[in-house]
N, C-alpha and C. Protein backbone atom coordinates (compact mmCIF):
# COMPACT_ATOMS: atom_id res chain seq x y z
N UNK A 1 4.42 -13.00 0.48
CA UNK A 1 4.20 -11.56 0.51
C UNK A 1 5.41 -10.85 -0.11
N UNK A 2 5.17 -9.78 -0.85
CA UNK A 2 6.29 -9.08 -1.49
C UNK A 2 7.08 -8.25 -0.47
N UNK A 3 8.32 -8.01 -0.79
CA UNK A 3 9.15 -7.11 0.00
C UNK A 3 8.78 -5.68 -0.36
N UNK A 4 8.51 -4.87 0.65
CA UNK A 4 8.14 -3.46 0.42
C UNK A 4 9.17 -2.58 1.12
N UNK A 5 9.73 -1.65 0.37
CA UNK A 5 10.72 -0.72 0.91
C UNK A 5 10.11 0.66 1.04
N UNK A 6 10.13 1.21 2.25
CA UNK A 6 9.56 2.54 2.49
C UNK A 6 10.57 3.60 2.08
N UNK A 7 10.18 4.45 1.15
CA UNK A 7 11.08 5.44 0.57
C UNK A 7 10.36 6.78 0.41
N UNK A 8 11.13 7.77 0.01
CA UNK A 8 10.56 9.02 -0.49
C UNK A 8 10.74 9.01 -2.00
N UNK A 9 9.63 9.03 -2.71
CA UNK A 9 9.64 9.01 -4.17
C UNK A 9 9.47 10.43 -4.70
N UNK A 10 10.32 10.78 -5.63
CA UNK A 10 10.23 12.08 -6.31
C UNK A 10 9.81 11.83 -7.75
N UNK A 11 8.78 12.56 -8.17
CA UNK A 11 8.37 12.56 -9.58
C UNK A 11 8.29 14.00 -10.04
N UNK A 12 8.23 14.18 -11.36
CA UNK A 12 8.20 15.53 -11.92
C UNK A 12 7.08 15.64 -12.94
N UNK A 13 6.41 16.78 -12.94
CA UNK A 13 5.39 17.08 -13.94
C UNK A 13 6.07 17.53 -15.22
N UNK A 14 5.29 17.63 -16.28
CA UNK A 14 5.85 18.05 -17.56
C UNK A 14 6.49 19.43 -17.47
N UNK A 15 5.96 20.31 -16.60
CA UNK A 15 6.52 21.64 -16.46
C UNK A 15 7.68 21.69 -15.46
N UNK A 16 8.07 20.54 -14.94
CA UNK A 16 9.21 20.47 -14.01
C UNK A 16 8.84 20.55 -12.55
N UNK A 17 7.57 20.80 -12.23
CA UNK A 17 7.15 20.86 -10.82
C UNK A 17 7.36 19.50 -10.17
N UNK A 18 7.94 19.51 -8.97
CA UNK A 18 8.26 18.26 -8.28
C UNK A 18 7.18 17.85 -7.30
N UNK A 19 7.07 16.55 -7.09
CA UNK A 19 6.15 16.01 -6.08
C UNK A 19 6.92 14.96 -5.28
N UNK A 20 7.05 15.20 -3.97
CA UNK A 20 7.70 14.26 -3.07
C UNK A 20 6.64 13.58 -2.22
N UNK A 21 6.73 12.26 -2.12
CA UNK A 21 5.71 11.53 -1.37
C UNK A 21 6.32 10.25 -0.81
N UNK A 22 5.94 9.87 0.41
CA UNK A 22 6.39 8.57 0.92
C UNK A 22 5.69 7.45 0.14
N UNK A 23 6.46 6.45 -0.26
CA UNK A 23 5.88 5.32 -0.97
C UNK A 23 6.55 4.04 -0.53
N UNK A 24 5.74 3.01 -0.32
CA UNK A 24 6.25 1.67 -0.13
C UNK A 24 6.44 1.05 -1.50
N UNK A 25 7.68 0.96 -1.95
CA UNK A 25 7.95 0.36 -3.25
C UNK A 25 7.89 -1.16 -3.13
N UNK A 26 7.17 -1.79 -4.05
CA UNK A 26 6.98 -3.24 -4.04
C UNK A 26 8.06 -3.86 -4.92
N UNK A 27 8.95 -4.62 -4.30
CA UNK A 27 10.05 -5.20 -5.06
C UNK A 27 9.63 -6.48 -5.75
N UNK A 28 10.00 -6.58 -7.02
CA UNK A 28 9.77 -7.80 -7.80
C UNK A 28 11.04 -8.07 -8.60
N UNK A 29 11.81 -9.04 -8.16
CA UNK A 29 13.11 -9.26 -8.77
C UNK A 29 14.00 -8.04 -8.56
N UNK A 30 14.53 -7.50 -9.64
CA UNK A 30 15.36 -6.30 -9.55
C UNK A 30 14.57 -5.03 -9.78
N UNK A 31 13.27 -5.15 -10.05
CA UNK A 31 12.42 -3.99 -10.34
C UNK A 31 11.59 -3.61 -9.12
N UNK A 32 11.02 -2.40 -9.17
CA UNK A 32 10.21 -1.90 -8.07
C UNK A 32 8.93 -1.29 -8.63
N UNK A 33 7.80 -1.68 -8.06
CA UNK A 33 6.50 -1.15 -8.49
C UNK A 33 6.08 0.01 -7.60
N UNK A 34 5.54 1.06 -8.22
CA UNK A 34 4.85 2.14 -7.52
C UNK A 34 3.37 1.95 -7.81
N UNK A 35 2.54 1.94 -6.76
CA UNK A 35 1.11 1.68 -6.95
C UNK A 35 0.28 2.73 -6.22
N UNK A 36 0.19 3.94 -6.77
CA UNK A 36 -0.59 5.00 -6.11
C UNK A 36 -2.09 4.84 -6.34
N UNK A 37 -2.88 5.27 -5.37
CA UNK A 37 -4.33 5.30 -5.53
C UNK A 37 -4.73 6.54 -6.30
N UNK A 38 -5.73 6.41 -7.15
CA UNK A 38 -6.28 7.59 -7.84
C UNK A 38 -7.15 8.38 -6.87
N UNK A 39 -7.22 9.70 -7.00
CA UNK A 39 -6.38 10.56 -7.85
C UNK A 39 -5.03 10.80 -7.18
N UNK A 40 -4.00 11.02 -7.97
CA UNK A 40 -2.66 11.21 -7.41
C UNK A 40 -1.80 12.00 -8.37
N UNK A 41 -1.11 13.03 -7.87
CA UNK A 41 -0.14 13.73 -8.72
C UNK A 41 0.96 12.79 -9.22
N UNK A 42 1.27 11.76 -8.44
CA UNK A 42 2.30 10.82 -8.86
C UNK A 42 1.92 10.14 -10.17
N UNK A 43 0.65 9.78 -10.31
CA UNK A 43 0.19 9.13 -11.54
C UNK A 43 0.37 10.05 -12.73
N UNK A 44 -0.13 11.27 -12.60
CA UNK A 44 -0.01 12.24 -13.70
C UNK A 44 1.45 12.50 -14.05
N UNK A 45 2.30 12.61 -13.02
CA UNK A 45 3.71 12.86 -13.28
C UNK A 45 4.39 11.70 -13.99
N UNK A 46 4.13 10.48 -13.53
CA UNK A 46 4.77 9.33 -14.16
C UNK A 46 4.29 9.13 -15.59
N UNK A 47 3.06 9.53 -15.88
CA UNK A 47 2.57 9.46 -17.26
C UNK A 47 3.24 10.51 -18.13
N UNK A 48 3.54 11.67 -17.54
CA UNK A 48 4.17 12.75 -18.31
C UNK A 48 5.69 12.57 -18.41
N UNK A 49 6.31 12.17 -17.31
CA UNK A 49 7.77 12.00 -17.24
C UNK A 49 8.02 10.64 -16.60
N UNK A 50 8.24 9.59 -17.39
CA UNK A 50 8.26 8.22 -16.86
C UNK A 50 9.57 7.82 -16.17
N UNK A 51 9.95 8.62 -15.19
CA UNK A 51 11.13 8.36 -14.38
C UNK A 51 10.80 8.77 -12.95
N UNK A 52 11.49 8.15 -11.99
CA UNK A 52 11.35 8.61 -10.61
C UNK A 52 12.61 8.27 -9.83
N UNK A 53 12.79 8.97 -8.72
CA UNK A 53 13.88 8.70 -7.80
C UNK A 53 13.27 8.24 -6.48
N UNK A 54 13.92 7.29 -5.84
CA UNK A 54 13.45 6.77 -4.56
C UNK A 54 14.61 6.83 -3.57
N UNK A 55 14.40 7.54 -2.47
CA UNK A 55 15.48 7.76 -1.51
C UNK A 55 15.12 7.20 -0.14
N UNK A 56 16.14 6.77 0.58
CA UNK A 56 16.00 6.37 1.98
C UNK A 56 16.32 7.61 2.82
N UNK A 57 15.30 8.29 3.35
CA UNK A 57 15.56 9.56 4.03
C UNK A 57 16.38 9.37 5.30
N UNK A 58 17.32 10.29 5.51
CA UNK A 58 18.15 10.24 6.72
C UNK A 58 17.45 10.90 7.90
N UNK A 59 16.36 11.59 7.65
CA UNK A 59 15.61 12.30 8.68
C UNK A 59 14.15 11.87 8.58
N UNK A 60 13.61 11.26 9.63
CA UNK A 60 12.23 10.75 9.61
C UNK A 60 11.23 11.89 9.46
N UNK A 61 11.66 13.12 9.74
CA UNK A 61 10.74 14.25 9.56
C UNK A 61 10.31 14.42 8.11
N UNK A 62 11.11 13.91 7.16
CA UNK A 62 10.70 14.02 5.76
C UNK A 62 9.43 13.21 5.52
N UNK A 63 9.40 11.98 6.02
CA UNK A 63 8.20 11.15 5.85
C UNK A 63 7.04 11.75 6.63
N UNK A 64 7.27 12.09 7.88
CA UNK A 64 6.20 12.68 8.69
C UNK A 64 5.72 14.00 8.09
N UNK A 65 6.66 14.78 7.56
CA UNK A 65 6.29 16.05 6.95
C UNK A 65 5.44 15.86 5.72
N UNK A 66 5.82 14.93 4.86
CA UNK A 66 5.06 14.72 3.63
C UNK A 66 3.62 14.30 3.90
N UNK A 67 3.40 13.46 4.92
CA UNK A 67 2.03 13.02 5.20
C UNK A 67 1.22 14.05 5.98
N UNK A 68 1.88 15.13 6.42
CA UNK A 68 1.17 16.18 7.15
C UNK A 68 1.22 17.52 6.40
N UNK A 69 1.50 17.47 5.10
CA UNK A 69 1.44 18.68 4.28
C UNK A 69 2.72 19.48 4.21
N UNK A 70 3.82 18.95 4.72
CA UNK A 70 5.11 19.65 4.68
C UNK A 70 5.97 18.97 3.61
N UNK A 71 5.92 19.46 2.39
CA UNK A 71 6.58 18.78 1.27
C UNK A 71 7.78 19.55 0.71
N UNK A 72 8.16 20.63 1.33
CA UNK A 72 9.23 21.47 0.79
C UNK A 72 10.58 21.02 1.32
N UNK A 73 11.04 19.85 0.86
CA UNK A 73 12.32 19.30 1.28
C UNK A 73 13.34 19.46 0.17
N UNK A 74 14.57 19.69 0.54
CA UNK A 74 15.63 19.95 -0.45
C UNK A 74 15.85 18.73 -1.35
N UNK A 75 16.05 19.02 -2.62
CA UNK A 75 16.39 17.98 -3.60
C UNK A 75 17.66 18.39 -4.33
N UNK A 76 18.28 17.40 -4.95
CA UNK A 76 19.46 17.63 -5.78
C UNK A 76 19.28 16.84 -7.07
N UNK A 77 19.97 17.24 -8.13
CA UNK A 77 19.81 16.52 -9.40
C UNK A 77 20.23 15.05 -9.29
N UNK A 78 19.50 14.20 -9.97
CA UNK A 78 19.89 12.80 -10.11
C UNK A 78 20.98 12.70 -11.17
N UNK A 79 21.62 11.56 -11.23
CA UNK A 79 22.72 11.38 -12.19
C UNK A 79 22.25 10.84 -13.54
N UNK A 80 21.20 9.99 -13.54
CA UNK A 80 20.85 9.28 -14.77
C UNK A 80 19.41 9.49 -15.22
N UNK A 81 18.58 10.16 -14.41
CA UNK A 81 17.18 10.39 -14.78
C UNK A 81 16.87 11.88 -14.63
N UNK A 82 15.85 12.37 -15.36
CA UNK A 82 15.55 13.81 -15.34
C UNK A 82 14.66 14.24 -14.17
N UNK A 83 14.78 13.54 -13.06
CA UNK A 83 13.98 13.85 -11.87
C UNK A 83 14.92 13.96 -10.68
N UNK A 84 14.89 15.06 -9.93
CA UNK A 84 15.78 15.18 -8.77
C UNK A 84 15.44 14.16 -7.69
N UNK A 85 16.36 14.01 -6.76
CA UNK A 85 16.16 13.11 -5.62
C UNK A 85 16.22 13.91 -4.33
N UNK A 86 15.70 13.31 -3.26
CA UNK A 86 15.80 13.90 -1.94
C UNK A 86 17.27 14.09 -1.58
N UNK A 87 17.62 15.28 -1.09
CA UNK A 87 19.02 15.58 -0.79
C UNK A 87 19.53 14.83 0.44
N UNK A 88 18.78 14.85 1.54
CA UNK A 88 19.24 14.29 2.80
C UNK A 88 18.83 12.83 2.89
N UNK A 89 19.65 11.96 2.31
CA UNK A 89 19.31 10.54 2.22
C UNK A 89 20.52 9.67 2.50
N UNK A 90 20.25 8.48 3.04
CA UNK A 90 21.32 7.50 3.19
C UNK A 90 21.78 7.00 1.83
N UNK A 91 20.83 6.87 0.93
CA UNK A 91 21.12 6.42 -0.42
C UNK A 91 19.88 6.59 -1.27
N UNK A 92 20.02 6.37 -2.57
CA UNK A 92 18.86 6.49 -3.45
C UNK A 92 19.01 5.61 -4.67
N UNK A 93 17.87 5.39 -5.32
CA UNK A 93 17.81 4.69 -6.60
C UNK A 93 17.17 5.63 -7.62
N UNK A 94 17.58 5.51 -8.86
CA UNK A 94 16.95 6.23 -9.95
C UNK A 94 16.34 5.18 -10.88
N UNK A 95 15.07 5.39 -11.24
CA UNK A 95 14.34 4.35 -11.96
C UNK A 95 13.63 4.90 -13.18
N UNK A 96 13.52 4.05 -14.20
CA UNK A 96 12.77 4.37 -15.41
C UNK A 96 11.55 3.46 -15.45
N UNK A 97 10.40 4.05 -15.77
CA UNK A 97 9.17 3.26 -15.89
C UNK A 97 9.26 2.42 -17.17
N UNK A 98 9.14 1.10 -17.01
CA UNK A 98 9.24 0.20 -18.16
C UNK A 98 7.94 -0.55 -18.42
N UNK A 99 6.98 -0.40 -17.52
CA UNK A 99 5.68 -1.05 -17.71
C UNK A 99 4.64 -0.32 -16.88
N UNK A 100 3.43 -0.22 -17.45
CA UNK A 100 2.30 0.38 -16.73
C UNK A 100 1.14 -0.60 -16.78
N UNK A 101 0.57 -0.88 -15.62
CA UNK A 101 -0.64 -1.70 -15.55
C UNK A 101 -1.77 -0.80 -15.08
N UNK A 102 -2.61 -0.42 -16.02
CA UNK A 102 -3.67 0.53 -15.71
C UNK A 102 -4.74 -0.13 -14.84
N UNK A 103 -5.37 0.69 -14.02
CA UNK A 103 -6.42 0.22 -13.14
C UNK A 103 -7.24 1.43 -12.74
N UNK A 104 -8.58 1.31 -12.67
CA UNK A 104 -9.40 2.48 -12.32
C UNK A 104 -9.18 2.97 -10.90
N UNK A 105 -8.65 2.13 -10.03
CA UNK A 105 -8.44 2.51 -8.63
C UNK A 105 -6.96 2.72 -8.32
N UNK A 106 -6.13 1.76 -8.74
CA UNK A 106 -4.72 1.79 -8.33
C UNK A 106 -3.83 1.27 -9.46
N UNK A 107 -3.46 2.13 -10.40
CA UNK A 107 -2.53 1.68 -11.45
C UNK A 107 -1.16 1.38 -10.86
N UNK A 108 -0.41 0.58 -11.59
CA UNK A 108 0.93 0.18 -11.12
C UNK A 108 1.96 0.53 -12.18
N UNK A 109 3.08 1.07 -11.73
CA UNK A 109 4.17 1.47 -12.61
C UNK A 109 5.41 0.68 -12.21
N UNK A 110 5.94 -0.10 -13.15
CA UNK A 110 7.15 -0.87 -12.87
C UNK A 110 8.38 -0.01 -13.16
N UNK A 111 9.20 0.18 -12.14
CA UNK A 111 10.41 0.96 -12.30
C UNK A 111 11.63 0.07 -12.39
N UNK A 112 12.46 0.32 -13.37
CA UNK A 112 13.71 -0.42 -13.52
C UNK A 112 14.86 0.48 -13.06
N UNK A 113 15.70 -0.04 -12.20
CA UNK A 113 16.79 0.75 -11.64
C UNK A 113 17.84 1.01 -12.71
N UNK A 114 18.17 2.28 -12.89
CA UNK A 114 19.23 2.65 -13.83
C UNK A 114 20.46 3.21 -13.11
N UNK A 115 20.30 3.53 -11.82
CA UNK A 115 21.44 4.03 -11.05
C UNK A 115 21.11 3.93 -9.56
N UNK A 116 22.09 3.55 -8.76
CA UNK A 116 21.97 3.58 -7.31
C UNK A 116 23.21 4.24 -6.73
N UNK A 117 23.03 4.81 -5.55
CA UNK A 117 24.16 5.51 -4.93
C UNK A 117 23.96 5.59 -3.43
N UNK A 118 25.03 5.39 -2.67
CA UNK A 118 25.01 5.58 -1.22
C UNK A 118 25.62 6.94 -0.91
N UNK A 119 25.08 7.59 0.14
CA UNK A 119 25.54 8.94 0.46
C UNK A 119 26.14 9.07 1.85
N UNK A 120 25.76 8.19 2.76
CA UNK A 120 26.31 8.24 4.11
C UNK A 120 26.14 6.86 4.74
N UNK A 121 26.97 6.53 5.72
CA UNK A 121 26.81 5.22 6.36
C UNK A 121 25.52 5.16 7.15
N UNK A 122 24.88 4.00 7.13
CA UNK A 122 23.69 3.77 7.93
C UNK A 122 24.10 2.96 9.14
N UNK A 123 23.94 3.53 10.33
CA UNK A 123 24.40 2.88 11.56
C UNK A 123 23.25 2.39 12.42
N UNK A 124 22.03 2.44 11.89
CA UNK A 124 20.88 1.91 12.61
C UNK A 124 19.92 2.99 13.06
N UNK A 125 18.64 2.64 13.05
CA UNK A 125 17.59 3.53 13.55
C UNK A 125 17.39 3.31 15.04
N UNK A 126 16.89 4.33 15.72
CA UNK A 126 16.35 4.04 17.04
C UNK A 126 14.89 3.61 16.87
N UNK A 127 14.33 3.07 17.92
CA UNK A 127 12.96 2.54 17.82
C UNK A 127 11.95 3.64 17.50
N UNK A 128 12.24 4.86 17.89
CA UNK A 128 11.31 5.95 17.62
C UNK A 128 11.13 6.20 16.13
N UNK A 129 12.19 6.01 15.34
CA UNK A 129 12.08 6.19 13.90
C UNK A 129 11.06 5.22 13.33
N UNK A 130 11.14 3.97 13.76
CA UNK A 130 10.19 2.97 13.28
C UNK A 130 8.77 3.29 13.76
N UNK A 131 8.65 3.78 14.98
CA UNK A 131 7.33 4.14 15.50
C UNK A 131 6.73 5.29 14.69
N UNK A 132 7.55 6.28 14.37
CA UNK A 132 7.06 7.41 13.58
C UNK A 132 6.65 6.94 12.18
N UNK A 133 7.43 6.04 11.60
CA UNK A 133 7.09 5.51 10.29
C UNK A 133 5.74 4.81 10.33
N UNK A 134 5.51 3.97 11.33
CA UNK A 134 4.23 3.28 11.44
C UNK A 134 3.09 4.27 11.67
N UNK A 135 3.34 5.29 12.48
CA UNK A 135 2.30 6.30 12.72
C UNK A 135 1.99 7.09 11.46
N UNK A 136 3.03 7.37 10.67
CA UNK A 136 2.83 8.09 9.42
C UNK A 136 1.94 7.29 8.47
N UNK A 137 2.22 6.00 8.35
CA UNK A 137 1.40 5.14 7.50
C UNK A 137 -0.03 5.09 8.03
N UNK A 138 -0.16 4.93 9.33
CA UNK A 138 -1.48 4.91 9.96
C UNK A 138 -2.26 6.18 9.66
N UNK A 139 -1.57 7.32 9.67
CA UNK A 139 -2.25 8.60 9.45
C UNK A 139 -2.81 8.75 8.04
N UNK A 140 -2.34 7.91 7.11
CA UNK A 140 -2.87 7.96 5.74
C UNK A 140 -4.05 7.00 5.56
N UNK A 141 -4.40 6.29 6.62
CA UNK A 141 -5.49 5.31 6.53
C UNK A 141 -6.64 5.64 7.47
N UNK A 142 -6.74 6.90 7.86
CA UNK A 142 -7.78 7.30 8.81
C UNK A 142 -9.18 7.09 8.26
N UNK A 143 -9.32 7.17 6.94
CA UNK A 143 -10.63 6.98 6.32
C UNK A 143 -11.04 5.52 6.26
N UNK A 144 -10.10 4.62 6.59
CA UNK A 144 -10.39 3.19 6.47
C UNK A 144 -10.49 2.49 7.83
N UNK A 145 -10.05 3.15 8.89
CA UNK A 145 -9.96 2.50 10.20
C UNK A 145 -10.88 3.15 11.22
N UNK A 146 -11.33 2.36 12.17
CA UNK A 146 -12.15 2.89 13.26
C UNK A 146 -11.29 3.76 14.17
N UNK A 147 -11.84 4.87 14.68
CA UNK A 147 -11.05 5.74 15.56
C UNK A 147 -10.41 5.00 16.74
N UNK A 148 -11.12 4.05 17.33
CA UNK A 148 -10.55 3.31 18.47
C UNK A 148 -9.31 2.52 18.05
N UNK A 149 -9.33 1.98 16.84
CA UNK A 149 -8.17 1.24 16.33
C UNK A 149 -6.99 2.17 16.15
N UNK A 150 -7.24 3.33 15.57
CA UNK A 150 -6.18 4.31 15.34
C UNK A 150 -5.54 4.72 16.67
N UNK A 151 -6.36 5.07 17.65
CA UNK A 151 -5.84 5.53 18.93
C UNK A 151 -5.06 4.43 19.65
N UNK A 152 -5.55 3.21 19.58
CA UNK A 152 -4.84 2.10 20.24
C UNK A 152 -3.46 1.89 19.60
N UNK A 153 -3.41 1.94 18.27
CA UNK A 153 -2.13 1.77 17.58
C UNK A 153 -1.16 2.90 17.94
N UNK A 154 -1.67 4.12 17.96
CA UNK A 154 -0.80 5.26 18.28
C UNK A 154 -0.27 5.17 19.71
N UNK A 155 -1.12 4.77 20.63
CA UNK A 155 -0.67 4.63 22.02
C UNK A 155 0.45 3.59 22.13
N UNK A 156 0.31 2.52 21.37
CA UNK A 156 1.35 1.49 21.37
C UNK A 156 2.68 2.04 20.85
N UNK A 157 2.64 2.75 19.72
CA UNK A 157 3.87 3.28 19.12
C UNK A 157 4.45 4.44 19.93
N UNK A 158 3.61 5.14 20.65
CA UNK A 158 4.07 6.28 21.43
C UNK A 158 5.09 5.88 22.49
N UNK A 159 4.98 4.66 22.99
CA UNK A 159 5.91 4.18 24.01
C UNK A 159 7.35 4.25 23.51
N UNK A 160 7.57 3.79 22.27
CA UNK A 160 8.92 3.81 21.71
C UNK A 160 9.42 5.24 21.53
N UNK A 161 8.53 6.14 21.17
CA UNK A 161 8.93 7.54 21.01
C UNK A 161 9.33 8.13 22.35
N UNK A 162 8.53 7.88 23.37
CA UNK A 162 8.85 8.42 24.69
C UNK A 162 10.17 7.88 25.22
N UNK A 163 10.48 6.61 24.92
CA UNK A 163 11.68 5.99 25.48
C UNK A 163 12.94 6.27 24.68
N UNK A 164 12.84 6.46 23.36
CA UNK A 164 14.06 6.47 22.54
C UNK A 164 14.23 7.66 21.61
N UNK A 165 13.24 8.53 21.50
CA UNK A 165 13.29 9.59 20.50
C UNK A 165 14.28 10.69 20.84
N UNK A 166 14.89 11.22 19.77
CA UNK A 166 15.63 12.47 19.86
C UNK A 166 14.71 13.60 19.42
N UNK A 167 15.24 14.82 19.33
CA UNK A 167 14.40 15.96 18.97
C UNK A 167 13.70 15.81 17.61
N UNK A 168 14.39 15.27 16.62
CA UNK A 168 13.78 15.13 15.29
C UNK A 168 12.60 14.17 15.32
N UNK A 169 12.78 13.04 16.00
CA UNK A 169 11.70 12.06 16.06
C UNK A 169 10.51 12.59 16.85
N UNK A 170 10.78 13.35 17.91
CA UNK A 170 9.68 13.93 18.69
C UNK A 170 8.90 14.95 17.85
N UNK A 171 9.61 15.77 17.10
CA UNK A 171 8.92 16.74 16.26
C UNK A 171 8.08 16.02 15.20
N UNK A 172 8.65 15.01 14.57
CA UNK A 172 7.92 14.25 13.56
C UNK A 172 6.67 13.60 14.16
N UNK A 173 6.82 13.01 15.35
CA UNK A 173 5.69 12.37 16.01
C UNK A 173 4.58 13.38 16.29
N UNK A 174 4.96 14.55 16.78
CA UNK A 174 3.96 15.56 17.12
C UNK A 174 3.21 16.08 15.89
N UNK A 175 3.88 16.16 14.75
CA UNK A 175 3.17 16.54 13.52
C UNK A 175 2.07 15.52 13.21
N UNK A 176 2.42 14.25 13.32
CA UNK A 176 1.45 13.20 12.99
C UNK A 176 0.34 13.16 14.03
N UNK A 177 0.71 13.27 15.31
CA UNK A 177 -0.30 13.25 16.36
C UNK A 177 -1.31 14.38 16.18
N UNK A 178 -0.84 15.56 15.80
CA UNK A 178 -1.74 16.69 15.57
C UNK A 178 -2.67 16.43 14.38
N UNK A 179 -2.13 15.83 13.33
CA UNK A 179 -2.96 15.50 12.16
C UNK A 179 -4.06 14.51 12.54
N UNK A 180 -3.68 13.46 13.26
CA UNK A 180 -4.66 12.44 13.64
C UNK A 180 -5.71 13.03 14.58
N UNK A 181 -5.27 13.83 15.55
CA UNK A 181 -6.22 14.43 16.49
C UNK A 181 -7.23 15.30 15.76
N UNK A 182 -6.76 16.11 14.83
CA UNK A 182 -7.67 16.99 14.07
C UNK A 182 -8.64 16.17 13.23
N UNK A 183 -8.15 15.10 12.61
CA UNK A 183 -9.01 14.27 11.77
C UNK A 183 -10.07 13.57 12.60
N UNK A 184 -9.68 13.07 13.76
CA UNK A 184 -10.65 12.36 14.60
C UNK A 184 -11.68 13.33 15.18
N UNK A 185 -11.28 14.54 15.50
CA UNK A 185 -12.24 15.54 15.97
C UNK A 185 -13.25 15.86 14.89
N UNK A 186 -12.77 16.04 13.65
CA UNK A 186 -13.67 16.33 12.53
C UNK A 186 -14.62 15.17 12.30
N UNK A 187 -14.10 13.94 12.39
CA UNK A 187 -14.95 12.77 12.18
C UNK A 187 -16.03 12.69 13.24
N UNK A 188 -15.66 12.98 14.50
CA UNK A 188 -16.65 12.95 15.57
C UNK A 188 -17.70 14.03 15.38
N UNK A 189 -17.26 15.24 14.99
CA UNK A 189 -18.20 16.34 14.76
C UNK A 189 -19.13 16.01 13.61
N UNK A 190 -18.58 15.44 12.55
CA UNK A 190 -19.41 15.07 11.40
C UNK A 190 -20.39 14.00 11.78
N UNK A 191 -19.96 13.06 12.60
CA UNK A 191 -20.84 12.00 13.03
C UNK A 191 -21.98 12.56 13.87
N UNK A 192 -21.69 13.47 14.78
CA UNK A 192 -22.72 14.09 15.60
C UNK A 192 -23.70 14.87 14.76
N UNK A 193 -23.17 15.62 13.78
CA UNK A 193 -24.03 16.44 12.94
C UNK A 193 -25.02 15.56 12.17
N UNK A 194 -24.57 14.45 11.68
CA UNK A 194 -25.46 13.54 10.95
C UNK A 194 -26.50 12.96 11.88
N UNK A 195 -26.06 12.56 13.09
CA UNK A 195 -27.00 11.96 14.04
C UNK A 195 -28.06 12.96 14.47
N UNK A 196 -27.70 14.24 14.57
CA UNK A 196 -28.65 15.26 15.02
C UNK A 196 -29.63 15.68 13.94
N UNK A 197 -29.30 15.39 12.68
CA UNK A 197 -30.14 15.86 11.58
C UNK A 197 -31.47 15.14 11.55
């Protein structure tokens, strides 16, 4: 199995508009693949501006925020690519797209690292950070999983949040919990409406 690094990827449109999104970068040797599902602003951006920045966020709310519609996070200029990076990060990589493998469902973009930088010491996550990360990923797969599976997974991860979270992790968790609750309510209502028809 490939090594996957969970990051915040920044891409830019031709007009300079930025798109921040959590991405599991697939490592292959010294390169990293981005594999977004269509449709995706990331695909359009990488086709227009074939560079991206990938950051290890210092605040888990960035990942939780991005998957719940909160994408207005501070960025700063990168050093070697024309795409800014997430400002509040432990470190980041700047990458140039050197290969594209087209696919009707999930194209892949191979990024070659042109610059890396550390910004602050990493002294370890608490368990709540990992729980929020797993919940964030789960919240992007609601269309693929049974509601009972989603709820069971969230209940399992909630234990770590209750035991170890600080204010930031609790806020991040609550954003995701609200998203999942709303989605499951809509799914149940849609299911009832179809059954009643």
